[in-house]
Amino acid sequence: MTFRELLGNVGLFGGAVMLCLVALSFFSMAVIIEKHRRFRTAMRQSQMFDPVFKNFLRGGEAEAQELISVLPTYEKSYVAQVVSAGMLEYDGVRQSGRDSDASVELVQSVVRDSMSETLIQLKWGLGFMATIGTTAPFIGLFGTVVGIINAFRSIAATGSGGMSVVSGGMAEALVSTALGIFVAIPAVVAFNTFTGKIETFHVEMNRAASQLVNRLFKVPEPRVSNMQKAEAAHAAR
């Protein structure tokens, strides 16, 4: 039986099931491609932002101003978004002259809120992929049942059970099952992959938030050159 003959034997419900699965497959691939591009850009900008942020952690006021000036360049970076929220809030509370304890709480609160908003943005589409990965096999199974029903209807209509009678319904049933699995597998794999990456992003954002707060509200240790260390050791003798 050719593919054209198979489509000719597909009933109304079987065709609707197949069209539904094809539509879900297109939507799923569109979300996967979009998430892949978004994550790739976010990871690349975060890697580029990392040296700038580390320089700020080791430096003084000049590095802080440099960090604020370059933050808009890395707007797609999940780490830069969290750092930007903390720096802007810190700059605001410092100009308002509030006490240090209140400033720490405000900056920490803003950083947590920014982290939550960034995670929501990163998780966009994951629920859709999880739904497709979970329901697509059942939709295919529904098509399988419909195909088997059509096969039995053909047997009842002809009064015989030869392969020529049931082949159309059975082929429809098997194609629906295969199509449901074919749609579900990429969605499940992508969901697990993106979820693992988001967990990594969350850890990196938590680390950056802690480093930022420690840097803003603790005086960094002064840098000591090798010559100064040698002079100090010589003086101690």
Protein backbone atom coordinates (compact mmCIF):
# COMPACT_ATOMS: atom_id res chain seq x y z
CA MET A 1 0.00 0.00 0.00
CA THR A 2 1.43 3.36 -1.04
CA PHE A 3 1.33 6.46 1.10
CA ARG A 4 -1.31 7.99 -1.17
CA GLU A 5 -3.48 4.89 -0.81
CA LEU A 6 -3.00 5.06 2.96
CA LEU A 7 -4.22 8.65 3.07
CA GLY A 8 -7.19 7.62 0.96
CA ASN A 9 -8.20 5.09 3.60
CA VAL A 10 -7.79 7.44 6.53
CA GLY A 11 -11.08 8.37 8.14
CA LEU A 12 -12.20 11.72 9.46
CA PHE A 13 -11.08 11.12 13.05
CA GLY A 14 -7.81 9.50 12.02
CA GLY A 15 -6.99 12.43 9.75
CA ALA A 16 -7.81 14.90 12.51
CA VAL A 17 -5.48 13.04 14.89
CA MET A 18 -2.65 13.05 12.37
CA LEU A 19 -3.12 16.75 11.60
CA CYS A 20 -3.10 17.53 15.31
CA LEU A 21 0.16 15.63 15.79
CA VAL A 22 1.77 17.33 12.79
CA ALA A 23 0.75 20.75 14.15
CA LEU A 24 2.15 19.89 17.57
CA SER A 25 5.38 18.76 15.93
CA PHE A 26 5.79 22.11 14.13
CA PHE A 27 5.01 24.10 17.28
CA SER A 28 7.41 21.96 19.31
CA MET A 29 10.26 22.40 16.82
CA ALA A 30 9.64 26.16 16.71
CA VAL A 31 9.90 26.40 20.50
CA ILE A 32 13.00 24.18 20.56
CA ILE A 33 14.77 26.33 17.97
CA GLU A 34 13.82 29.53 19.78
CA LYS A 35 15.00 28.19 23.14
CA HIS A 36 18.25 26.96 21.63
CA ARG A 37 18.99 30.38 20.13
CA ARG A 38 18.04 32.15 23.34
CA PHE A 39 20.18 29.90 25.52
CA ARG A 40 23.14 30.06 23.14
CA THR A 41 23.05 33.87 23.13
CA ALA A 42 22.65 34.00 26.92
CA MET A 43 25.56 31.63 27.50
CA ARG A 44 27.82 33.49 25.06
CA GLN A 45 27.09 36.90 26.59
CA SER A 46 27.48 35.53 30.12
CA GLN A 47 30.90 34.14 29.22
CA MET A 48 31.89 37.52 27.78
CA PHE A 49 30.55 39.31 30.87
CA ASP A 50 32.40 37.07 33.33
CA PRO A 51 35.86 38.75 33.00
CA VAL A 52 34.30 42.19 33.43
CA PHE A 53 32.44 41.07 36.55
CA LYS A 54 35.55 39.43 38.03
CA ASN A 55 37.52 42.62 37.41
CA PHE A 56 34.85 44.53 39.31
CA LEU A 57 35.04 42.08 42.23
CA ARG A 58 38.78 42.65 42.52
CA GLY A 59 38.75 46.38 41.87
CA GLY A 60 37.52 49.63 43.33
CA GLU A 61 35.16 52.44 42.44
CA ALA A 62 36.53 52.84 38.92
CA GLU A 63 35.73 49.23 38.12
CA ALA A 64 32.22 49.73 39.52
CA GLN A 65 31.55 52.61 37.13
CA GLU A 66 32.97 50.59 34.26
CA LEU A 67 30.69 47.69 35.15
CA ILE A 68 27.60 49.93 35.17
CA SER A 69 28.55 51.41 31.80
CA VAL A 70 28.93 48.01 30.06
CA LEU A 71 25.90 46.27 31.56
CA PRO A 72 23.52 47.29 28.71
CA THR A 73 25.87 45.53 26.28
CA TYR A 74 25.08 42.18 27.93
CA GLU A 75 21.32 42.53 28.28
CA LYS A 76 20.76 38.92 27.11
CA SER A 77 23.04 37.52 29.80
CA TYR A 78 21.21 36.02 32.76
CA VAL A 79 24.10 36.89 35.09
CA ALA A 80 24.29 40.47 33.82
CA GLN A 81 20.55 40.95 34.39
CA VAL A 82 20.89 40.01 38.05
CA VAL A 83 24.04 42.11 38.53
CA SER A 84 22.43 45.08 36.76
CA ALA A 85 19.41 45.03 39.07
CA GLY A 86 21.64 44.89 42.14
CA MET A 87 23.97 47.65 40.96
CA LEU A 88 21.13 50.02 40.05
CA GLU A 89 19.43 49.49 43.40
CA TYR A 90 22.72 49.93 45.26
CA ASP A 91 23.43 53.17 43.41
CA GLY A 92 19.96 54.44 44.27
CA VAL A 93 20.12 53.64 47.99
CA ARG A 94 23.63 55.05 48.23
CA GLN A 95 22.55 58.37 46.74
CA SER A 96 19.55 58.47 49.08
CA GLY A 97 21.86 58.15 52.12
CA ARG A 98 20.11 55.20 53.76
CA ASP A 99 21.83 53.13 56.42
CA SER A 100 23.94 50.14 55.48
CA ASP A 101 21.68 47.43 56.98
CA ALA A 102 18.62 48.66 55.12
CA SER A 103 20.64 48.94 51.93
CA VAL A 104 21.78 45.32 52.17
CA GLU A 105 18.20 44.10 52.55
CA LEU A 106 16.96 46.22 49.65
CA VAL A 107 19.72 45.09 47.31
CA GLN A 108 19.26 41.44 48.27
CA SER A 109 15.51 41.72 47.71
CA VAL A 110 15.94 43.31 44.28
CA VAL A 111 18.53 40.70 43.28
CA ARG A 112 16.19 37.87 44.30
CA ASP A 113 13.31 39.43 42.35
CA SER A 114 15.52 39.86 39.29
CA MET A 115 16.66 36.26 39.56
CA SER A 116 13.06 35.05 39.73
CA GLU A 117 12.05 37.13 36.70
CA THR A 118 15.05 35.88 34.73
CA LEU A 119 14.21 32.27 35.57
CA ILE A 120 10.62 32.82 34.43
CA GLN A 121 11.91 34.13 31.11
CA LEU A 122 14.31 31.21 30.73
CA LYS A 123 11.59 28.67 31.53
CA TRP A 124 9.19 30.07 28.94
CA GLY A 125 8.07 27.27 26.61
CA LEU A 126 9.22 24.41 28.84
CA GLY A 127 5.69 23.72 30.05
CA PHE A 128 4.52 23.55 26.44
CA MET A 129 7.24 21.02 25.57
CA ALA A 130 6.47 18.95 28.64
CA THR A 131 2.79 18.89 27.69
CA ILE A 132 3.59 17.77 24.15
CA GLY A 133 6.00 15.11 25.35
CA THR A 134 3.39 13.77 27.74
CA THR A 135 0.26 13.93 25.60
CA ALA A 136 1.55 13.18 22.07
CA PRO A 137 1.82 9.39 22.66
CA PHE A 138 -1.73 9.35 24.01
CA ILE A 139 -3.00 11.31 21.01
CA GLY A 140 -1.25 8.75 18.80
CA LEU A 141 -2.84 5.98 20.84
CA PHE A 142 -6.22 7.57 20.25
CA GLY A 143 -5.48 7.45 16.53
CA THR A 144 -4.52 3.80 16.94
CA VAL A 145 -7.86 3.01 18.51
CA VAL A 146 -9.68 4.88 15.75
CA GLY A 147 -7.74 2.95 13.11
CA ILE A 148 -8.59 -0.38 14.71
CA ILE A 149 -12.24 0.64 14.89
CA ASN A 150 -12.13 1.45 11.18
CA ALA A 151 -10.59 -1.97 10.51
CA PHE A 152 -13.42 -3.73 12.36
CA ARG A 153 -15.97 -1.58 10.55
CA SER A 154 -14.47 -2.74 7.25
CA ILE A 155 -14.75 -6.36 8.39
CA ALA A 156 -18.38 -5.81 9.37
CA ALA A 157 -19.14 -4.12 6.05
CA THR A 158 -17.58 -6.84 3.86
CA GLY A 159 -18.26 -9.85 6.06
CA SER A 160 -14.68 -11.10 5.67
CA GLY A 161 -11.43 -10.55 7.55
CA GLY A 162 -8.79 -10.66 4.84
CA MET A 163 -5.72 -8.44 4.89
CA SER A 164 -7.05 -6.36 2.02
CA VAL A 165 -10.03 -5.46 4.18
CA VAL A 166 -8.23 -4.54 7.40
CA SER A 167 -4.96 -3.22 5.96
CA GLY A 168 -6.22 0.36 5.64
CA GLY A 169 -7.41 0.62 9.23
CA MET A 170 -4.37 -1.16 10.64
CA ALA A 171 -1.99 1.04 8.65
CA GLU A 172 -3.80 4.12 9.95
CA ALA A 173 -3.48 2.81 13.50
CA LEU A 174 0.24 2.10 13.22
CA VAL A 175 1.03 5.41 11.54
CA SER A 176 -0.81 7.30 14.29
CA THR A 177 1.15 5.46 16.97
CA ALA A 178 4.48 6.07 15.24
CA LEU A 179 3.65 9.73 14.64
CA GLY A 180 2.73 10.26 18.29
CA ILE A 181 6.05 8.78 19.44
CA PHE A 182 7.95 10.75 16.80
CA VAL A 183 6.45 14.00 18.09
CA ALA A 184 7.00 13.16 21.77
CA ILE A 185 10.66 12.12 21.69
CA PRO A 186 12.20 15.49 20.59
CA ALA A 187 9.97 17.38 23.03
CA VAL A 188 11.02 15.19 25.98
CA VAL A 189 14.71 15.32 25.07
CA ALA A 190 14.62 19.10 24.63
CA PHE A 191 12.72 19.58 27.90
CA ASN A 192 15.28 17.58 29.88
CA THR A 193 18.19 19.33 28.17
CA PHE A 194 16.86 22.84 28.73
CA THR A 195 15.87 22.05 32.32
CA GLY A 196 19.43 20.94 33.06
CA LYS A 197 20.83 24.13 31.55
CA ILE A 198 18.44 26.27 33.58
CA GLU A 199 19.63 24.58 36.77
CA THR A 200 23.19 25.51 35.81
CA PHE A 201 22.11 29.08 35.06
CA HIS A 202 20.39 29.26 38.44
CA VAL A 203 23.57 28.21 40.24
CA GLU A 204 25.61 30.80 38.33
CA MET A 205 23.10 33.55 39.13
CA ASN A 206 23.10 32.63 42.83
CA ARG A 207 26.89 32.73 42.92
CA ALA A 208 27.02 36.08 41.12
CA ALA A 209 24.37 37.54 43.46
CA SER A 210 26.32 36.48 46.55
CA GLN A 211 29.58 37.83 45.16
CA LEU A 212 27.90 41.11 44.23
CA VAL A 213 26.42 41.69 47.69
CA ASN A 214 29.71 40.78 49.38
CA ARG A 215 31.59 43.15 47.10
CA LEU A 216 29.20 46.07 47.55
CA PHE A 217 28.95 45.94 51.33
CA LYS A 218 32.40 44.71 52.27
CA VAL A 219 35.64 46.54 51.70
CA PRO A 220 37.74 44.46 49.31
CA GLU A 221 41.12 43.37 50.53
CA PRO A 222 43.93 45.56 49.19
CA ARG A 223 46.07 44.11 46.48
CA VAL A 224 49.58 43.23 47.60
CA SER A 225 52.28 42.96 44.98
CA ASN A 226 55.11 40.45 45.14
CA MET A 227 57.59 43.24 45.91
CA GLN A 228 55.49 44.41 48.86
CA LYS A 229 55.28 40.84 50.14
CA ALA A 230 59.06 40.51 49.90
CA GLU A 231 59.61 43.82 51.72
CA ALA A 232 57.19 42.77 54.47
CA ALA A 233 58.96 39.44 54.87
CA HIS A 234 62.36 41.16 55.01
CA ALA A 235 61.13 43.62 57.64
CA ALA A 236 59.80 40.79 59.78
CA ARG A 237 63.24 39.15 59.98
